[in-house]
N, C-alpha and C. Protein backbone atom coordinates (compact mmCIF):
# COMPACT_ATOMS: atom_id res chain seq x y z
N MET A 1 38.03 8.43 -9.87
CA MET A 1 36.45 8.46 -10.14
C MET A 1 36.01 9.39 -8.94
N SER A 2 35.47 10.23 -9.10
CA SER A 2 35.04 11.34 -8.17
C SER A 2 33.43 11.13 -7.90
N LYS A 3 33.09 11.01 -6.80
CA LYS A 3 31.52 10.69 -6.33
C LYS A 3 31.10 11.76 -5.56
N LEU A 4 30.02 12.55 -6.04
CA LEU A 4 29.47 13.47 -5.15
C LEU A 4 28.62 12.86 -4.20
N PRO A 5 28.35 13.51 -2.84
CA PRO A 5 27.54 12.97 -1.96
C PRO A 5 26.01 12.76 -2.40
N GLN A 6 25.58 13.78 -3.29
CA GLN A 6 24.12 13.66 -3.56
C GLN A 6 23.98 12.65 -4.80
N TYR A 7 24.83 11.93 -5.22
CA TYR A 7 24.71 11.03 -6.36
C TYR A 7 23.70 9.88 -6.10
N ASP A 8 23.59 9.49 -4.82
CA ASP A 8 22.60 8.33 -4.59
C ASP A 8 21.15 8.73 -4.83
N ARG A 9 20.95 10.22 -4.89
CA ARG A 9 19.65 10.71 -5.12
C ARG A 9 19.34 11.17 -6.65
N CYS A 10 20.42 10.89 -7.46
CA CYS A 10 20.26 11.16 -8.91
C CYS A 10 19.58 10.21 -9.62
N ARG A 11 18.98 10.64 -10.70
CA ARG A 11 18.18 9.62 -11.55
C ARG A 11 19.10 8.75 -12.30
N PHE A 12 20.26 9.21 -12.52
CA PHE A 12 21.01 8.41 -13.44
C PHE A 12 22.22 7.66 -12.61
N TYR A 13 21.99 7.66 -11.29
CA TYR A 13 22.98 6.87 -10.42
C TYR A 13 22.98 5.38 -10.84
N ALA A 14 24.33 4.74 -10.89
CA ALA A 14 24.27 3.48 -11.43
C ALA A 14 24.33 2.34 -10.40
N TYR A 15 24.36 2.66 -9.14
CA TYR A 15 24.05 1.63 -8.07
C TYR A 15 25.28 0.52 -8.07
N THR A 16 26.52 0.91 -8.57
CA THR A 16 27.53 -0.12 -8.73
C THR A 16 28.88 0.59 -8.26
N PRO A 17 29.78 -0.08 -7.65
CA PRO A 17 31.00 0.56 -7.26
C PRO A 17 32.06 0.89 -8.41
N TYR A 18 31.68 0.29 -9.76
CA TYR A 18 32.64 0.44 -10.81
C TYR A 18 32.28 1.62 -11.70
N MET A 19 31.11 2.12 -11.58
CA MET A 19 30.60 3.28 -12.35
C MET A 19 29.85 4.21 -11.53
N VAL A 20 30.08 5.46 -11.60
CA VAL A 20 29.25 6.40 -10.85
C VAL A 20 27.92 6.67 -11.38
N CYS A 21 27.79 6.80 -12.63
CA CYS A 21 26.60 7.29 -13.34
C CYS A 21 26.41 6.82 -14.63
N GLY A 22 25.33 6.68 -15.16
CA GLY A 22 25.11 6.19 -16.55
C GLY A 22 25.39 7.23 -17.55
N VAL A 23 25.43 8.48 -17.20
CA VAL A 23 25.71 9.58 -18.22
C VAL A 23 27.31 9.85 -18.01
N ASN A 24 27.61 10.01 -16.98
CA ASN A 24 29.28 10.28 -16.64
C ASN A 24 29.67 9.15 -15.91
N PRO A 25 30.22 8.10 -16.41
CA PRO A 25 30.63 6.96 -15.88
C PRO A 25 31.79 7.11 -15.00
N CYS A 26 32.75 8.14 -15.15
CA CYS A 26 33.74 8.39 -14.26
C CYS A 26 33.46 9.36 -13.38
N GLY A 27 32.32 10.01 -13.31
CA GLY A 27 31.91 11.04 -12.45
C GLY A 27 32.14 12.39 -12.93
N PRO A 28 31.78 13.55 -12.48
CA PRO A 28 31.90 14.85 -12.86
C PRO A 28 33.36 15.28 -12.76
N ASP A 29 33.64 16.41 -13.57
CA ASP A 29 35.07 17.02 -13.52
C ASP A 29 35.25 18.00 -12.33
N GLY A 30 34.18 18.60 -11.86
CA GLY A 30 34.31 19.54 -10.75
C GLY A 30 33.45 19.14 -9.56
N ASN A 31 33.07 20.22 -8.81
CA ASN A 31 32.21 19.85 -7.66
C ASN A 31 30.61 19.77 -8.12
N GLN A 32 30.36 20.10 -9.28
CA GLN A 32 28.85 20.18 -9.74
C GLN A 32 28.75 19.06 -10.96
N CYS A 33 27.52 18.82 -11.15
CA CYS A 33 27.28 17.84 -12.26
C CYS A 33 26.31 18.52 -12.99
N SER A 34 26.60 18.65 -14.26
CA SER A 34 25.43 19.41 -15.16
C SER A 34 24.25 18.42 -15.34
N ASP A 35 24.48 17.18 -15.34
CA ASP A 35 23.30 16.23 -15.72
C ASP A 35 22.60 15.76 -14.52
N PHE A 36 22.93 16.29 -13.17
CA PHE A 36 22.21 15.80 -12.03
C PHE A 36 20.70 15.94 -12.19
N GLU A 37 19.90 14.98 -11.97
CA GLU A 37 18.53 15.20 -11.83
C GLU A 37 18.05 14.40 -10.54
N SER A 38 17.59 15.18 -9.60
CA SER A 38 17.16 14.60 -8.34
C SER A 38 15.76 13.79 -8.54
N VAL A 39 15.70 12.83 -7.77
CA VAL A 39 14.48 11.92 -7.79
C VAL A 39 13.92 12.25 -6.29
N ALA A 40 12.65 11.97 -6.37
CA ALA A 40 11.90 12.24 -4.93
C ALA A 40 12.28 11.07 -4.09
N PRO A 41 12.44 11.34 -2.89
CA PRO A 41 12.83 10.22 -1.93
C PRO A 41 11.60 9.36 -1.82
N ARG A 42 11.82 8.09 -1.73
CA ARG A 42 10.82 7.07 -1.56
C ARG A 42 10.35 6.90 -0.19
N GLU A 43 9.13 6.46 -0.20
CA GLU A 43 8.59 6.45 1.29
C GLU A 43 8.53 4.87 1.59
N PRO A 44 8.87 4.42 2.89
CA PRO A 44 8.86 3.04 3.14
C PRO A 44 7.67 2.43 3.02
N LEU A 45 7.52 1.17 2.77
CA LEU A 45 6.33 0.42 2.69
C LEU A 45 5.43 0.37 3.95
N GLU A 46 6.04 0.65 5.14
CA GLU A 46 5.30 0.53 6.27
C GLU A 46 4.45 1.62 6.85
N GLY A 47 4.35 2.67 5.80
CA GLY A 47 3.54 3.77 6.14
C GLY A 47 3.76 4.88 5.10
N GLY A 48 3.51 6.15 5.61
CA GLY A 48 3.65 7.26 4.57
C GLY A 48 3.56 8.55 5.29
N TYR A 49 3.69 9.72 4.59
CA TYR A 49 3.69 10.95 5.04
C TYR A 49 2.49 11.63 4.61
N TYR A 50 1.59 12.23 5.55
CA TYR A 50 0.49 12.97 5.32
C TYR A 50 0.60 14.42 5.99
N ALA A 51 0.64 15.39 5.26
CA ALA A 51 0.78 16.79 5.75
C ALA A 51 2.04 16.94 6.60
N GLY A 52 3.17 16.30 6.01
CA GLY A 52 4.33 16.26 6.93
C GLY A 52 4.49 15.39 8.01
N ASP A 53 3.53 14.61 8.36
CA ASP A 53 3.67 13.76 9.55
C ASP A 53 3.68 12.54 9.17
N TRP A 54 4.46 11.60 9.85
CA TRP A 54 4.63 10.17 9.53
C TRP A 54 3.54 9.43 10.05
N ILE A 55 2.74 8.76 9.14
CA ILE A 55 1.61 7.86 9.66
C ILE A 55 1.95 6.48 9.32
N PRO A 56 2.13 5.70 10.35
CA PRO A 56 2.50 4.29 10.19
C PRO A 56 1.31 3.42 9.80
N GLN A 57 1.57 2.51 8.87
CA GLN A 57 0.39 1.65 8.45
C GLN A 57 0.24 0.63 9.35
N LEU A 58 -1.04 0.46 9.87
CA LEU A 58 -1.34 -0.62 10.83
C LEU A 58 -1.36 -1.99 10.29
N PRO A 59 -0.81 -2.85 11.03
CA PRO A 59 -0.57 -4.32 10.49
C PRO A 59 -2.22 -4.92 10.34
N THR A 60 -2.27 -5.49 9.18
CA THR A 60 -3.56 -6.12 8.85
C THR A 60 -3.67 -7.44 9.75
N GLN A 61 -4.87 -7.77 10.05
CA GLN A 61 -5.14 -8.89 10.77
C GLN A 61 -5.71 -10.05 10.16
N LEU A 62 -6.09 -9.58 8.75
CA LEU A 62 -6.56 -10.98 7.83
C LEU A 62 -5.51 -11.05 6.80
N THR A 63 -5.41 -12.30 6.47
CA THR A 63 -4.56 -12.61 5.23
C THR A 63 -5.35 -12.27 4.05
N ASP A 64 -4.65 -12.30 2.84
CA ASP A 64 -5.36 -12.00 1.56
C ASP A 64 -6.56 -13.11 1.25
N ASP A 65 -6.00 -14.31 1.60
CA ASP A 65 -7.15 -15.57 1.37
C ASP A 65 -8.28 -15.13 2.18
N GLN A 66 -8.04 -14.83 3.56
CA GLN A 66 -9.22 -14.51 4.29
C GLN A 66 -10.06 -13.36 3.90
N ARG A 67 -9.41 -12.40 3.42
CA ARG A 67 -10.27 -11.21 2.87
C ARG A 67 -10.97 -11.67 1.73
N LEU A 68 -10.38 -12.45 0.71
CA LEU A 68 -11.21 -12.88 -0.27
C LEU A 68 -12.38 -13.78 -0.01
N ALA A 69 -12.23 -14.53 1.06
CA ALA A 69 -13.30 -15.66 1.57
C ALA A 69 -14.47 -14.61 2.11
N LEU A 70 -13.83 -13.42 2.76
CA LEU A 70 -14.97 -12.76 3.40
C LEU A 70 -15.84 -12.11 2.37
N LEU A 71 -15.22 -11.71 1.34
CA LEU A 71 -16.09 -11.23 0.02
C LEU A 71 -17.16 -12.15 -0.45
N ASP A 72 -16.77 -13.44 -0.52
CA ASP A 72 -17.73 -14.36 -0.91
C ASP A 72 -18.71 -14.89 0.13
N TRP A 73 -18.53 -14.67 1.39
CA TRP A 73 -19.27 -15.10 2.54
C TRP A 73 -20.18 -13.96 3.28
N HIS A 74 -19.64 -12.72 3.37
CA HIS A 74 -20.41 -11.98 4.30
C HIS A 74 -21.61 -11.37 3.56
N PRO A 75 -22.82 -11.07 4.28
CA PRO A 75 -23.92 -10.54 3.70
C PRO A 75 -23.88 -9.12 3.24
N LEU A 76 -22.73 -8.30 3.77
CA LEU A 76 -22.66 -7.10 3.22
C LEU A 76 -22.24 -7.12 1.66
N PHE A 77 -21.50 -8.22 1.28
CA PHE A 77 -21.08 -8.20 -0.11
C PHE A 77 -21.92 -9.24 -0.87
N THR A 78 -22.59 -10.13 -0.37
CA THR A 78 -23.38 -11.19 -1.05
C THR A 78 -24.91 -10.92 -1.18
N GLY A 79 -25.37 -9.96 -0.04
CA GLY A 79 -26.68 -9.77 0.14
C GLY A 79 -27.64 -11.10 0.47
N ARG A 80 -26.87 -12.08 1.00
CA ARG A 80 -27.60 -13.12 1.38
C ARG A 80 -27.03 -13.74 2.74
N CYS A 81 -27.88 -14.38 3.48
CA CYS A 81 -27.44 -15.05 4.80
C CYS A 81 -26.44 -16.24 4.56
N PRO A 82 -25.18 -16.17 5.17
CA PRO A 82 -24.39 -17.26 4.96
C PRO A 82 -24.81 -18.68 5.28
N ASN A 83 -25.92 -18.61 6.25
CA ASN A 83 -26.28 -19.96 6.92
C ASN A 83 -27.48 -20.53 6.02
N CYS A 84 -28.50 -19.77 5.89
CA CYS A 84 -29.75 -20.44 4.93
C CYS A 84 -30.05 -19.72 3.71
N GLU A 85 -29.14 -18.72 3.28
CA GLU A 85 -29.17 -18.22 1.81
C GLU A 85 -30.23 -17.29 1.61
N VAL A 86 -31.02 -16.81 2.57
CA VAL A 86 -32.25 -16.03 2.45
C VAL A 86 -31.57 -14.61 2.17
N THR A 87 -32.21 -14.00 1.14
CA THR A 87 -31.85 -12.56 0.78
C THR A 87 -32.10 -11.56 2.01
N MET A 88 -31.02 -10.75 2.27
CA MET A 88 -31.18 -9.82 3.27
C MET A 88 -31.18 -8.48 2.81
N LEU A 89 -32.08 -7.56 3.35
CA LEU A 89 -32.23 -6.26 2.95
C LEU A 89 -31.11 -5.41 2.96
N GLN A 90 -30.62 -4.81 1.90
CA GLN A 90 -29.47 -3.92 1.79
C GLN A 90 -29.95 -2.54 2.18
N THR A 91 -29.17 -1.81 3.07
CA THR A 91 -29.65 -0.41 3.53
C THR A 91 -28.51 0.58 3.12
N THR A 92 -28.97 1.79 3.05
CA THR A 92 -27.97 2.88 2.70
C THR A 92 -28.11 3.82 3.77
N PRO A 93 -27.12 4.02 4.53
CA PRO A 93 -25.73 3.48 4.59
C PRO A 93 -25.84 2.12 5.06
N PRO A 94 -24.90 1.22 4.70
CA PRO A 94 -24.90 -0.28 5.11
C PRO A 94 -25.01 -0.33 6.58
N ARG A 95 -25.78 -1.29 7.12
CA ARG A 95 -26.08 -1.45 8.51
C ARG A 95 -24.74 -2.03 9.06
N VAL A 96 -24.57 -1.99 10.47
CA VAL A 96 -23.44 -2.52 11.04
C VAL A 96 -23.58 -3.86 11.60
N HIS A 97 -24.97 -4.29 12.07
CA HIS A 97 -25.10 -5.56 12.53
C HIS A 97 -26.02 -6.32 11.48
N TRP A 98 -25.47 -7.51 11.06
CA TRP A 98 -26.18 -8.29 10.03
C TRP A 98 -26.63 -9.57 10.79
N ASP A 99 -28.01 -9.51 11.02
CA ASP A 99 -28.75 -10.68 11.76
C ASP A 99 -29.70 -11.11 10.82
N CYS A 100 -29.87 -12.64 10.67
CA CYS A 100 -30.87 -13.26 9.86
C CYS A 100 -32.04 -13.40 10.76
N GLY A 101 -33.27 -12.81 10.19
CA GLY A 101 -34.55 -13.17 10.90
C GLY A 101 -35.10 -14.55 10.67
N ALA A 102 -34.59 -15.25 9.70
CA ALA A 102 -35.18 -16.52 9.33
C ALA A 102 -34.48 -17.62 10.10
N CYS A 103 -33.28 -17.66 10.09
CA CYS A 103 -32.53 -18.76 10.84
C CYS A 103 -31.91 -18.27 12.10
N GLY A 104 -31.90 -16.99 12.35
CA GLY A 104 -31.23 -16.60 13.52
C GLY A 104 -29.76 -16.38 13.63
N TRP A 105 -29.00 -16.38 12.49
CA TRP A 105 -27.61 -16.28 12.21
C TRP A 105 -27.34 -14.72 12.60
N MET A 106 -26.32 -14.53 13.30
CA MET A 106 -25.82 -13.21 13.87
C MET A 106 -24.48 -13.04 13.30
N ASP A 107 -24.10 -11.85 13.09
CA ASP A 107 -22.67 -11.50 12.61
C ASP A 107 -21.89 -11.04 13.92
N ASP A 108 -20.84 -12.05 14.17
CA ASP A 108 -20.13 -11.78 15.41
C ASP A 108 -18.83 -11.02 15.23
N SER A 109 -18.59 -10.38 14.03
CA SER A 109 -17.37 -9.64 13.64
C SER A 109 -17.53 -8.26 14.28
N VAL A 110 -18.50 -7.84 14.92
CA VAL A 110 -18.66 -6.47 15.51
C VAL A 110 -18.63 -6.64 16.93
């Protein structure tokens, strides 16, 4: 069973020590495989490439549950003060500081 070095990048690679390929189970007869189809290399989950440069993904500081709770709580998404439920004016572009004039609540996330 002959295995070419580029087989791990082939679309038909079997990922098993018992069979080389799904099309040619015993491998090619020569140094070239007529059925070889290259797949694009996969990018790791921790980042990606942009314009040829590796850009790492920054670790998130909030869990998924905390992000969902923020959507239900913060005035940017609800339009209401989380303390007294008074409607807060939405601006375009959205403001950075969310402070309630009725109860004195202030957003400490900034």
